[in-house]
Full PDB file with SEQRES, HELIX, SHEET, SSBOND, CRYST1, ORIGX, SCALE, CONECT and MASTER records, all heavy atoms in Angstrom:
SEQRES   1 A   37  ILE SER ASN LYS LEU SER SER GLU PHE ILE THR VAL ILE          
SEQRES   2 A   37  GLU GLN GLU ASP ILE LEU ASN LEU SER GLN ILE ILE ASP          
SEQRES   3 A   37  ASP ILE THR ASP GLU LEU ASP GLU VAL THR ILE                  
HELIX    1 AA1 SER A    2  SER A    7  1                                   6    
HELIX    2 AA2 GLN A   15  THR A   36  1                                  22    
CRYST1    1.000    1.000    1.000  90.00  90.00  90.00 P 1           1          
ORIGX1      1.000000  0.000000  0.000000        0.00000                         
ORIGX2      0.000000  1.000000  0.000000        0.00000                         
ORIGX3      0.000000  0.000000  1.000000        0.00000                         
SCALE1      1.000000  0.000000  0.000000        0.00000                         
SCALE2      0.000000  1.000000  0.000000        0.00000                         
SCALE3      0.000000  0.000000  1.000000        0.00000                         
ATOM      1  N   ILE A   1      -0.345 -19.105  -6.402  1.00  0.00           N  
ATOM      2  CA  ILE A   1       0.806 -18.902  -7.156  1.00  0.00           C  
ATOM      3  C   ILE A   1       1.960 -19.859  -6.714  1.00  0.00           C  
ATOM      4  O   ILE A   1       2.623 -20.508  -7.511  1.00  0.00           O  
ATOM      5  CB  ILE A   1       1.329 -17.438  -7.096  1.00  0.00           C  
ATOM      6  CG1 ILE A   1       0.416 -16.561  -7.922  1.00  0.00           C  
ATOM      7  CG2 ILE A   1       2.747 -17.232  -7.697  1.00  0.00           C  
ATOM      8  CD1 ILE A   1       0.589 -15.065  -7.624  1.00  0.00           C  
ATOM      9  N   SER A   2       2.120 -19.889  -5.338  1.00  0.00           N  
ATOM     10  CA  SER A   2       3.219 -20.763  -4.902  1.00  0.00           C  
ATOM     11  C   SER A   2       2.974 -22.307  -5.224  1.00  0.00           C  
ATOM     12  O   SER A   2       3.893 -22.962  -5.593  1.00  0.00           O  
ATOM     13  CB  SER A   2       3.283 -20.596  -3.345  1.00  0.00           C  
ATOM     14  OG  SER A   2       3.550 -19.297  -2.959  1.00  0.00           O  
ATOM     15  N   ASN A   3       1.681 -22.727  -4.983  1.00  0.00           N  
ATOM     16  CA  ASN A   3       1.382 -24.002  -5.380  1.00  0.00           C  
ATOM     17  C   ASN A   3       1.547 -24.457  -6.900  1.00  0.00           C  
ATOM     18  O   ASN A   3       2.115 -25.393  -7.238  1.00  0.00           O  
ATOM     19  CB  ASN A   3      -0.133 -24.392  -4.996  1.00  0.00           C  
ATOM     20  CG  ASN A   3      -0.230 -24.361  -3.497  1.00  0.00           C  
ATOM     21  OD1 ASN A   3       0.666 -24.592  -2.717  1.00  0.00           O  
ATOM     22  ND2 ASN A   3      -1.342 -24.065  -2.981  1.00  0.00           N  
ATOM     23  N   LYS A   4       1.229 -23.411  -7.724  1.00  0.00           N  
ATOM     24  CA  LYS A   4       1.346 -23.614  -9.176  1.00  0.00           C  
ATOM     25  C   LYS A   4       2.857 -23.722  -9.566  1.00  0.00           C  
ATOM     26  O   LYS A   4       3.328 -24.551 -10.359  1.00  0.00           O  
ATOM     27  CB  LYS A   4       0.579 -22.481  -9.921  1.00  0.00           C  
ATOM     28  CG  LYS A   4      -0.924 -22.745 -10.005  1.00  0.00           C  
ATOM     29  CD  LYS A   4      -1.494 -21.640 -10.696  1.00  0.00           C  
ATOM     30  CE  LYS A   4      -2.945 -21.924 -11.170  1.00  0.00           C  
ATOM     31  NZ  LYS A   4      -3.983 -22.182 -10.030  1.00  0.00           N  
ATOM     32  N   LEU A   5       3.647 -22.876  -8.964  1.00  0.00           N  
ATOM     33  CA  LEU A   5       5.033 -22.823  -9.303  1.00  0.00           C  
ATOM     34  C   LEU A   5       5.780 -23.997  -8.865  1.00  0.00           C  
ATOM     35  O   LEU A   5       6.694 -24.560  -9.564  1.00  0.00           O  
ATOM     36  CB  LEU A   5       5.805 -21.673  -8.602  1.00  0.00           C  
ATOM     37  CG  LEU A   5       5.448 -20.331  -9.063  1.00  0.00           C  
ATOM     38  CD1 LEU A   5       6.029 -19.233  -8.340  1.00  0.00           C  
ATOM     39  CD2 LEU A   5       6.291 -20.300 -10.468  1.00  0.00           C  
ATOM     40  N   SER A   6       5.363 -24.666  -7.727  1.00  0.00           N  
ATOM     41  CA  SER A   6       5.871 -25.944  -7.204  1.00  0.00           C  
ATOM     42  C   SER A   6       5.732 -27.102  -8.202  1.00  0.00           C  
ATOM     43  O   SER A   6       6.464 -28.130  -8.138  1.00  0.00           O  
ATOM     44  CB  SER A   6       5.335 -26.269  -5.889  1.00  0.00           C  
ATOM     45  OG  SER A   6       4.039 -26.565  -5.853  1.00  0.00           O  
ATOM     46  N   SER A   7       4.704 -26.945  -9.094  1.00  0.00           N  
ATOM     47  CA  SER A   7       4.456 -28.174  -9.908  1.00  0.00           C  
ATOM     48  C   SER A   7       4.851 -27.885 -11.344  1.00  0.00           C  
ATOM     49  O   SER A   7       4.340 -28.674 -12.256  1.00  0.00           O  
ATOM     50  CB  SER A   7       2.924 -28.645  -9.724  1.00  0.00           C  
ATOM     51  OG  SER A   7       2.146 -27.579 -10.212  1.00  0.00           O  
ATOM     52  N   GLU A   8       5.347 -26.709 -11.618  1.00  0.00           N  
ATOM     53  CA  GLU A   8       5.574 -26.287 -13.100  1.00  0.00           C  
ATOM     54  C   GLU A   8       7.088 -26.237 -13.236  1.00  0.00           C  
ATOM     55  O   GLU A   8       7.833 -25.513 -12.491  1.00  0.00           O  
ATOM     56  CB  GLU A   8       4.836 -25.025 -13.316  1.00  0.00           C  
ATOM     57  CG  GLU A   8       4.875 -24.575 -14.889  1.00  0.00           C  
ATOM     58  CD  GLU A   8       3.760 -23.663 -15.135  1.00  0.00           C  
ATOM     59  OE1 GLU A   8       3.612 -22.727 -14.448  1.00  0.00           O  
ATOM     60  OE2 GLU A   8       3.043 -24.051 -16.088  1.00  0.00           O  
ATOM     61  N   PHE A   9       7.485 -26.873 -14.292  1.00  0.00           N  
ATOM     62  CA  PHE A   9       8.975 -26.929 -14.738  1.00  0.00           C  
ATOM     63  C   PHE A   9       9.405 -25.674 -15.402  1.00  0.00           C  
ATOM     64  O   PHE A   9      10.550 -25.095 -15.196  1.00  0.00           O  
ATOM     65  CB  PHE A   9       9.261 -28.208 -15.473  1.00  0.00           C  
ATOM     66  CG  PHE A   9      10.691 -28.302 -15.751  1.00  0.00           C  
ATOM     67  CD1 PHE A   9      11.616 -28.532 -14.758  1.00  0.00           C  
ATOM     68  CD2 PHE A   9      11.137 -28.130 -17.092  1.00  0.00           C  
ATOM     69  CE1 PHE A   9      13.001 -28.653 -15.200  1.00  0.00           C  
ATOM     70  CE2 PHE A   9      12.562 -28.288 -17.415  1.00  0.00           C  
ATOM     71  CZ  PHE A   9      13.432 -28.435 -16.402  1.00  0.00           C  
ATOM     72  N   ILE A  10       8.662 -25.125 -16.318  1.00  0.00           N  
ATOM     73  CA  ILE A  10       8.982 -24.057 -17.312  1.00  0.00           C  
ATOM     74  C   ILE A  10       7.949 -22.967 -16.947  1.00  0.00           C  
ATOM     75  O   ILE A  10       6.840 -23.064 -17.000  1.00  0.00           O  
ATOM     76  CB  ILE A  10       9.048 -24.412 -18.765  1.00  0.00           C  
ATOM     77  CG1 ILE A  10      10.029 -25.593 -18.900  1.00  0.00           C  
ATOM     78  CG2 ILE A  10       9.137 -23.215 -19.554  1.00  0.00           C  
ATOM     79  CD1 ILE A  10       9.957 -26.140 -20.362  1.00  0.00           C  
ATOM     80  N   THR A  11       8.536 -21.671 -16.784  1.00  0.00           N  
ATOM     81  CA  THR A  11       7.753 -20.536 -16.574  1.00  0.00           C  
ATOM     82  C   THR A  11       8.265 -19.377 -17.529  1.00  0.00           C  
ATOM     83  O   THR A  11       9.460 -19.413 -17.892  1.00  0.00           O  
ATOM     84  CB  THR A  11       7.745 -20.056 -15.235  1.00  0.00           C  
ATOM     85  OG1 THR A  11       9.085 -19.821 -14.634  1.00  0.00           O  
ATOM     86  CG2 THR A  11       6.990 -20.844 -14.232  1.00  0.00           C  
ATOM     87  N   VAL A  12       7.436 -18.408 -17.835  1.00  0.00           N  
ATOM     88  CA  VAL A  12       7.885 -17.380 -18.833  1.00  0.00           C  
ATOM     89  C   VAL A  12       8.982 -16.545 -18.362  1.00  0.00           C  
ATOM     90  O   VAL A  12       9.828 -16.052 -18.949  1.00  0.00           O  
ATOM     91  CB  VAL A  12       6.631 -16.476 -19.167  1.00  0.00           C  
ATOM     92  CG1 VAL A  12       6.157 -15.654 -18.061  1.00  0.00           C  
ATOM     93  CG2 VAL A  12       7.047 -15.548 -20.340  1.00  0.00           C  
ATOM     94  N   ILE A  13       9.007 -16.415 -16.973  1.00  0.00           N  
ATOM     95  CA  ILE A  13      10.347 -15.576 -16.265  1.00  0.00           C  
ATOM     96  C   ILE A  13      10.538 -16.738 -15.218  1.00  0.00           C  
ATOM     97  O   ILE A  13       9.856 -17.571 -14.808  1.00  0.00           O  
ATOM     98  CB  ILE A  13      10.020 -14.269 -15.748  1.00  0.00           C  
ATOM     99  CG1 ILE A  13       8.755 -14.270 -14.990  1.00  0.00           C  
ATOM    100  CG2 ILE A  13       9.799 -13.289 -16.920  1.00  0.00           C  
ATOM    101  CD1 ILE A  13       8.305 -12.974 -14.266  1.00  0.00           C  
ATOM    102  N   GLU A  14      11.787 -16.435 -14.463  1.00  0.00           N  
ATOM    103  CA  GLU A  14      12.296 -17.404 -13.613  1.00  0.00           C  
ATOM    104  C   GLU A  14      11.262 -17.523 -12.316  1.00  0.00           C  
ATOM    105  O   GLU A  14      10.767 -16.540 -11.934  1.00  0.00           O  
ATOM    106  CB  GLU A  14      13.592 -16.904 -12.950  1.00  0.00           C  
ATOM    107  CG  GLU A  14      14.804 -17.081 -14.040  1.00  0.00           C  
ATOM    108  CD  GLU A  14      16.170 -16.787 -13.409  1.00  0.00           C  
ATOM    109  OE1 GLU A  14      16.173 -16.714 -12.184  1.00  0.00           O  
ATOM    110  OE2 GLU A  14      17.076 -16.492 -14.118  1.00  0.00           O  
ATOM    111  N   GLN A  15      11.089 -18.815 -11.812  1.00  0.00           N  
ATOM    112  CA  GLN A  15      10.132 -19.007 -10.793  1.00  0.00           C  
ATOM    113  C   GLN A  15      10.499 -18.220  -9.558  1.00  0.00           C  
ATOM    114  O   GLN A  15       9.616 -17.820  -8.950  1.00  0.00           O  
ATOM    115  CB  GLN A  15      10.351 -20.606 -10.404  1.00  0.00           C  
ATOM    116  CG  GLN A  15       9.709 -21.409 -11.583  1.00  0.00           C  
ATOM    117  CD  GLN A  15       9.625 -22.795 -11.120  1.00  0.00           C  
ATOM    118  OE1 GLN A  15      10.098 -23.266  -9.993  1.00  0.00           O  
ATOM    119  NE2 GLN A  15       9.169 -23.759 -12.004  1.00  0.00           N  
ATOM    120  N   GLU A  16      11.787 -18.084  -9.252  1.00  0.00           N  
ATOM    121  CA  GLU A  16      12.211 -17.300  -8.146  1.00  0.00           C  
ATOM    122  C   GLU A  16      11.719 -15.858  -8.219  1.00  0.00           C  
ATOM    123  O   GLU A  16      11.267 -15.342  -7.135  1.00  0.00           O  
ATOM    124  CB  GLU A  16      13.748 -17.406  -7.982  1.00  0.00           C  
ATOM    125  CG  GLU A  16      14.382 -16.519  -6.861  1.00  0.00           C  
ATOM    126  CD  GLU A  16      15.804 -16.764  -6.769  1.00  0.00           C  
ATOM    127  OE1 GLU A  16      16.504 -17.188  -7.764  1.00  0.00           O  
ATOM    128  OE2 GLU A  16      16.355 -16.121  -5.718  1.00  0.00           O  
ATOM    129  N   ASP A  17      11.783 -15.297  -9.452  1.00  0.00           N  
ATOM    130  CA  ASP A  17      11.280 -13.859  -9.408  1.00  0.00           C  
ATOM    131  C   ASP A  17       9.938 -13.801  -9.314  1.00  0.00           C  
ATOM    132  O   ASP A  17       9.417 -12.812  -8.734  1.00  0.00           O  
ATOM    133  CB  ASP A  17      11.781 -13.357 -10.866  1.00  0.00           C  
ATOM    134  CG  ASP A  17      13.252 -13.147 -10.990  1.00  0.00           C  
ATOM    135  OD1 ASP A  17      13.961 -13.022  -9.905  1.00  0.00           O  
ATOM    136  OD2 ASP A  17      13.819 -13.441 -12.180  1.00  0.00           O  
ATOM    137  N   ILE A  18       9.159 -14.839  -9.904  1.00  0.00           N  
ATOM    138  CA  ILE A  18       7.666 -14.752  -9.847  1.00  0.00           C  
ATOM    139  C   ILE A  18       7.325 -14.813  -8.240  1.00  0.00           C  
ATOM    140  O   ILE A  18       6.511 -14.073  -7.709  1.00  0.00           O  
ATOM    141  CB  ILE A  18       7.071 -15.844 -10.418  1.00  0.00           C  
ATOM    142  CG1 ILE A  18       7.244 -15.659 -11.988  1.00  0.00           C  
ATOM    143  CG2 ILE A  18       5.550 -15.906 -10.194  1.00  0.00           C  
ATOM    144  CD1 ILE A  18       6.880 -16.873 -12.853  1.00  0.00           C  
ATOM    145  N   LEU A  19       8.029 -15.656  -7.585  1.00  0.00           N  
ATOM    146  CA  LEU A  19       7.727 -15.978  -6.203  1.00  0.00           C  
ATOM    147  C   LEU A  19       8.097 -14.747  -5.261  1.00  0.00           C  
ATOM    148  O   LEU A  19       7.359 -14.428  -4.356  1.00  0.00           O  
ATOM    149  CB  LEU A  19       8.460 -17.207  -5.603  1.00  0.00           C  
ATOM    150  CG  LEU A  19       8.170 -17.890  -4.326  1.00  0.00           C  
ATOM    151  CD1 LEU A  19       6.671 -18.259  -4.304  1.00  0.00           C  
ATOM    152  CD2 LEU A  19       9.035 -19.063  -4.007  1.00  0.00           C  
ATOM    153  N   ASN A  20       9.407 -14.231  -5.612  1.00  0.00           N  
ATOM    154  CA  ASN A  20       9.735 -12.872  -4.847  1.00  0.00           C  
ATOM    155  C   ASN A  20       8.744 -11.851  -5.043  1.00  0.00           C  
ATOM    156  O   ASN A  20       8.345 -11.191  -3.937  1.00  0.00           O  
ATOM    157  CB  ASN A  20      11.111 -12.649  -5.273  1.00  0.00           C  
ATOM    158  CG  ASN A  20      12.153 -13.427  -4.778  1.00  0.00           C  
ATOM    159  OD1 ASN A  20      11.936 -14.231  -3.880  1.00  0.00           O  
ATOM    160  ND2 ASN A  20      13.438 -13.301  -5.437  1.00  0.00           N  
ATOM    161  N   LEU A  21       8.296 -11.668  -6.257  1.00  0.00           N  
ATOM    162  CA  LEU A  21       7.384 -10.522  -6.531  1.00  0.00           C  
ATOM    163  C   LEU A  21       5.937 -10.866  -5.748  1.00  0.00           C  
ATOM    164  O   LEU A  21       5.507  -9.857  -5.165  1.00  0.00           O  
ATOM    165  CB  LEU A  21       7.094 -10.420  -8.005  1.00  0.00           C  
ATOM    166  CG  LEU A  21       6.334  -9.090  -8.398  1.00  0.00           C  
ATOM    167  CD1 LEU A  21       6.923  -7.877  -7.878  1.00  0.00           C  
ATOM    168  CD2 LEU A  21       6.271  -9.109  -9.844  1.00  0.00           C  
ATOM    169  N   SER A  22       5.541 -12.007  -5.838  1.00  0.00           N  
ATOM    170  CA  SER A  22       4.372 -12.500  -5.275  1.00  0.00           C  
ATOM    171  C   SER A  22       4.377 -12.266  -3.682  1.00  0.00           C  
ATOM    172  O   SER A  22       3.444 -11.800  -3.050  1.00  0.00           O  
ATOM    173  CB  SER A  22       3.990 -13.804  -5.534  1.00  0.00           C  
ATOM    174  OG  SER A  22       2.761 -14.221  -5.039  1.00  0.00           O  
ATOM    175  N   GLN A  23       5.477 -12.615  -3.068  1.00  0.00           N  
ATOM    176  CA  GLN A  23       5.716 -12.502  -1.692  1.00  0.00           C  
ATOM    177  C   GLN A  23       5.633 -11.049  -1.197  1.00  0.00           C  
ATOM    178  O   GLN A  23       5.077 -10.771  -0.197  1.00  0.00           O  
ATOM    179  CB  GLN A  23       7.072 -13.131  -1.303  1.00  0.00           C  
ATOM    180  CG  GLN A  23       7.329 -12.968   0.286  1.00  0.00           C  
ATOM    181  CD  GLN A  23       6.267 -13.779   1.078  1.00  0.00           C  
ATOM    182  OE1 GLN A  23       6.165 -15.047   0.886  1.00  0.00           O  
ATOM    183  NE2 GLN A  23       5.529 -13.004   1.924  1.00  0.00           N  
ATOM    184  N   ILE A  24       6.329 -10.185  -2.045  1.00  0.00           N  
ATOM    185  CA  ILE A  24       6.432  -8.769  -1.670  1.00  0.00           C  
ATOM    186  C   ILE A  24       4.845  -8.113  -1.712  1.00  0.00           C  
ATOM    187  O   ILE A  24       4.518  -7.287  -0.881  1.00  0.00           O  
ATOM    188  CB  ILE A  24       7.359  -7.948  -2.538  1.00  0.00           C  
ATOM    189  CG1 ILE A  24       8.788  -8.432  -2.245  1.00  0.00           C  
ATOM    190  CG2 ILE A  24       7.305  -6.479  -2.199  1.00  0.00           C  
ATOM    191  CD1 ILE A  24       9.889  -7.794  -3.257  1.00  0.00           C  
ATOM    192  N   ILE A  25       4.212  -8.540  -2.807  1.00  0.00           N  
ATOM    193  CA  ILE A  25       2.837  -8.054  -2.883  1.00  0.00           C  
ATOM    194  C   ILE A  25       1.921  -8.468  -1.752  1.00  0.00           C  
ATOM    195  O   ILE A  25       1.174  -7.728  -1.153  1.00  0.00           O  
ATOM    196  CB  ILE A  25       2.137  -8.413  -4.175  1.00  0.00           C  
ATOM    197  CG1 ILE A  25       2.919  -7.892  -5.500  1.00  0.00           C  
ATOM    198  CG2 ILE A  25       0.643  -8.045  -4.412  1.00  0.00           C  
ATOM    199  CD1 ILE A  25       2.592  -8.460  -6.795  1.00  0.00           C  
ATOM    200  N   ASP A  26       2.229  -9.731  -1.304  1.00  0.00           N  
ATOM    201  CA  ASP A  26       1.566 -10.220  -0.226  1.00  0.00           C  
ATOM    202  C   ASP A  26       1.862  -9.488   1.137  1.00  0.00           C  
ATOM    203  O   ASP A  26       1.059  -9.109   1.904  1.00  0.00           O  
ATOM    204  CB  ASP A  26       1.855 -11.580  -0.019  1.00  0.00           C  
ATOM    205  CG  ASP A  26       1.178 -12.323   1.127  1.00  0.00           C  
ATOM    206  OD1 ASP A  26      -0.175 -12.366   0.904  1.00  0.00           O  
ATOM    207  OD2 ASP A  26       1.591 -12.733   2.146  1.00  0.00           O  
ATOM    208  N   ASP A  27       3.095  -9.040   1.240  1.00  0.00           N  
ATOM    209  CA  ASP A  27       3.546  -8.271   2.288  1.00  0.00           C  
ATOM    210  C   ASP A  27       2.941  -6.929   2.396  1.00  0.00           C  
ATOM    211  O   ASP A  27       2.684  -6.462   3.447  1.00  0.00           O  
ATOM    212  CB  ASP A  27       5.080  -8.170   2.264  1.00  0.00           C  
ATOM    213  CG  ASP A  27       5.946  -9.549   2.562  1.00  0.00           C  
ATOM    214  OD1 ASP A  27       5.289 -10.358   3.077  1.00  0.00           O  
ATOM    215  OD2 ASP A  27       7.092  -9.539   2.229  1.00  0.00           O  
ATOM    216  N   ILE A  28       2.708  -6.393   1.131  1.00  0.00           N  
ATOM    217  CA  ILE A  28       2.040  -4.953   1.134  1.00  0.00           C  
ATOM    218  C   ILE A  28       0.716  -5.101   1.754  1.00  0.00           C  
ATOM    219  O   ILE A  28       0.307  -4.220   2.570  1.00  0.00           O  
ATOM    220  CB  ILE A  28       2.117  -4.537  -0.312  1.00  0.00           C  
ATOM    221  CG1 ILE A  28       3.585  -4.134  -0.858  1.00  0.00           C  
ATOM    222  CG2 ILE A  28       1.224  -3.245  -0.481  1.00  0.00           C  
ATOM    223  CD1 ILE A  28       3.625  -3.939  -2.344  1.00  0.00           C  
ATOM    224  N   THR A  29      -0.018  -6.063   1.218  1.00  0.00           N  
ATOM    225  CA  THR A  29      -1.472  -6.198   1.699  1.00  0.00           C  
ATOM    226  C   THR A  29      -1.400  -6.481   3.269  1.00  0.00           C  
ATOM    227  O   THR A  29      -2.282  -5.923   3.901  1.00  0.00           O  
ATOM    228  CB  THR A  29      -2.164  -7.362   0.999  1.00  0.00           C  
ATOM    229  OG1 THR A  29      -2.057  -7.151  -0.452  1.00  0.00           O  
ATOM    230  CG2 THR A  29      -3.611  -7.246   1.320  1.00  0.00           C  
ATOM    231  N   ASP A  30      -0.573  -7.428   3.644  1.00  0.00           N  
ATOM    232  CA  ASP A  30      -0.494  -7.662   5.124  1.00  0.00           C  
ATOM    233  C   ASP A  30      -0.069  -6.367   5.763  1.00  0.00           C  
ATOM    234  O   ASP A  30      -0.527  -6.182   6.952  1.00  0.00           O  
ATOM    235  CB  ASP A  30       0.733  -8.682   5.407  1.00  0.00           C  
ATOM    236  CG  ASP A  30       0.257 -10.175   4.921  1.00  0.00           C  
ATOM    237  OD1 ASP A  30      -0.859 -10.318   4.689  1.00  0.00           O  
ATOM    238  OD2 ASP A  30       1.239 -10.961   4.939  1.00  0.00           O  
ATOM    239  N   GLU A  31       0.874  -5.582   5.284  1.00  0.00           N  
ATOM    240  CA  GLU A  31       1.164  -4.270   6.010  1.00  0.00           C  
ATOM    241  C   GLU A  31       0.045  -3.202   6.152  1.00  0.00           C  
ATOM    242  O   GLU A  31      -0.142  -2.678   7.167  1.00  0.00           O  
ATOM    243  CB  GLU A  31       2.343  -3.580   5.482  1.00  0.00           C  
ATOM    244  CG  GLU A  31       3.052  -2.599   6.295  1.00  0.00           C  
ATOM    245  CD  GLU A  31       3.914  -3.330   7.476  1.00  0.00           C  
ATOM    246  OE1 GLU A  31       4.325  -4.410   7.334  1.00  0.00           O  
ATOM    247  OE2 GLU A  31       3.890  -2.671   8.559  1.00  0.00           O  
ATOM    248  N   LEU A  32      -0.849  -3.333   5.196  1.00  0.00           N  
ATOM    249  CA  LEU A  32      -1.969  -2.416   5.144  1.00  0.00           C  
ATOM    250  C   LEU A  32      -2.957  -2.932   6.225  1.00  0.00           C  
ATOM    251  O   LEU A  32      -3.552  -2.092   7.006  1.00  0.00           O  
ATOM    252  CB  LEU A  32      -2.590  -2.404   3.761  1.00  0.00           C  
ATOM    253  CG  LEU A  32      -1.802  -1.800   2.814  1.00  0.00           C  
ATOM    254  CD1 LEU A  32      -2.202  -2.011   1.381  1.00  0.00           C  
ATOM    255  CD2 LEU A  32      -1.941  -0.100   2.841  1.00  0.00           C  
ATOM    256  N   ASP A  33      -3.194  -4.221   6.247  1.00  0.00           N  
ATOM    257  CA  ASP A  33      -3.934  -4.883   7.290  1.00  0.00           C  
ATOM    258  C   ASP A  33      -3.438  -4.543   8.681  1.00  0.00           C  
ATOM    259  O   ASP A  33      -4.167  -4.363   9.562  1.00  0.00           O  
ATOM    260  CB  ASP A  33      -4.040  -6.376   6.990  1.00  0.00           C  
ATOM    261  CG  ASP A  33      -4.996  -7.084   7.944  1.00  0.00           C  
ATOM    262  OD1 ASP A  33      -5.978  -6.521   8.426  1.00  0.00           O  
ATOM    263  OD2 ASP A  33      -4.597  -8.263   8.422  1.00  0.00           O  
ATOM    264  N   GLU A  34      -2.053  -4.560   8.747  1.00  0.00           N  
ATOM    265  CA  GLU A  34      -1.447  -4.351  10.075  1.00  0.00           C  
ATOM    266  C   GLU A  34      -1.866  -3.029  10.627  1.00  0.00           C  
ATOM    267  O   GLU A  34      -2.042  -2.816  11.893  1.00  0.00           O  
ATOM    268  CB  GLU A  34       0.076  -4.507   9.878  1.00  0.00           C  
ATOM    269  CG  GLU A  34       0.849  -4.237  11.216  1.00  0.00           C  
ATOM    270  CD  GLU A  34       0.654  -5.348  12.148  1.00  0.00           C  
ATOM    271  OE1 GLU A  34       0.174  -6.413  11.879  1.00  0.00           O  
ATOM    272  OE2 GLU A  34       0.887  -5.172  13.464  1.00  0.00           O  
ATOM    273  N   VAL A  35      -2.018  -1.911   9.877  1.00  0.00           N  
ATOM    274  CA  VAL A  35      -2.398  -0.670  10.309  1.00  0.00           C  
ATOM    275  C   VAL A  35      -3.769  -0.700  10.993  1.00  0.00           C  
ATOM    276  O   VAL A  35      -3.950  -0.107  12.168  1.00  0.00           O  
ATOM    277  CB  VAL A  35      -2.380   0.335   9.260  1.00  0.00           C  
ATOM    278  CG1 VAL A  35      -2.922   1.714   9.818  1.00  0.00           C  
ATOM    279  CG2 VAL A  35      -1.156   0.482   8.539  1.00  0.00           C  
ATOM    280  N   THR A  36      -4.719  -1.427  10.464  1.00  0.00           N  
ATOM    281  CA  THR A  36      -6.053  -1.506  11.090  1.00  0.00           C  
ATOM    282  C   THR A  36      -5.934  -2.263  12.473  1.00  0.00           C  
ATOM    283  O   THR A  36      -6.597  -2.001  13.362  1.00  0.00           O  
ATOM    284  CB  THR A  36      -7.070  -2.086  10.165  1.00  0.00           C  
ATOM    285  OG1 THR A  36      -6.596  -3.592   9.897  1.00  0.00           O  
ATOM    286  CG2 THR A  36      -7.206  -1.363   8.904  1.00  0.00           C  
ATOM    287  N   ILE A  37      -5.050  -3.314  12.433  1.00  0.00           N  
ATOM    288  CA  ILE A  37      -4.756  -4.013  13.706  1.00  0.00           C  
ATOM    289  C   ILE A  37      -4.189  -3.229  14.800  1.00  0.00           C  
ATOM    290  O   ILE A  37      -4.604  -3.292  15.896  1.00  0.00           O  
ATOM    291  CB  ILE A  37      -3.964  -5.339  13.455  1.00  0.00           C  
ATOM    292  CG1 ILE A  37      -4.641  -6.307  12.451  1.00  0.00           C  
ATOM    293  CG2 ILE A  37      -3.493  -5.963  14.693  1.00  0.00           C  
ATOM    294  CD1 ILE A  37      -3.667  -7.383  11.958  1.00  0.00           C  
TER     295      ILE A  37                                                      
MASTER        0    0    0    2    0    0    0    6  294    1    0    3          
END                                                                             
C-alpha cells in the first residue's frame, strides 16, 4: 500500500488517510504478535 501510494497522484480518498488507516491496521497485527512474543 505504501509503495503504491508513493507512485500514484490521484486516489479515491486522500493518500494520508489511506496511509494512516493502513498503519494502524499494521499496528494491530503487530500488537497481537507482541502478545505471543
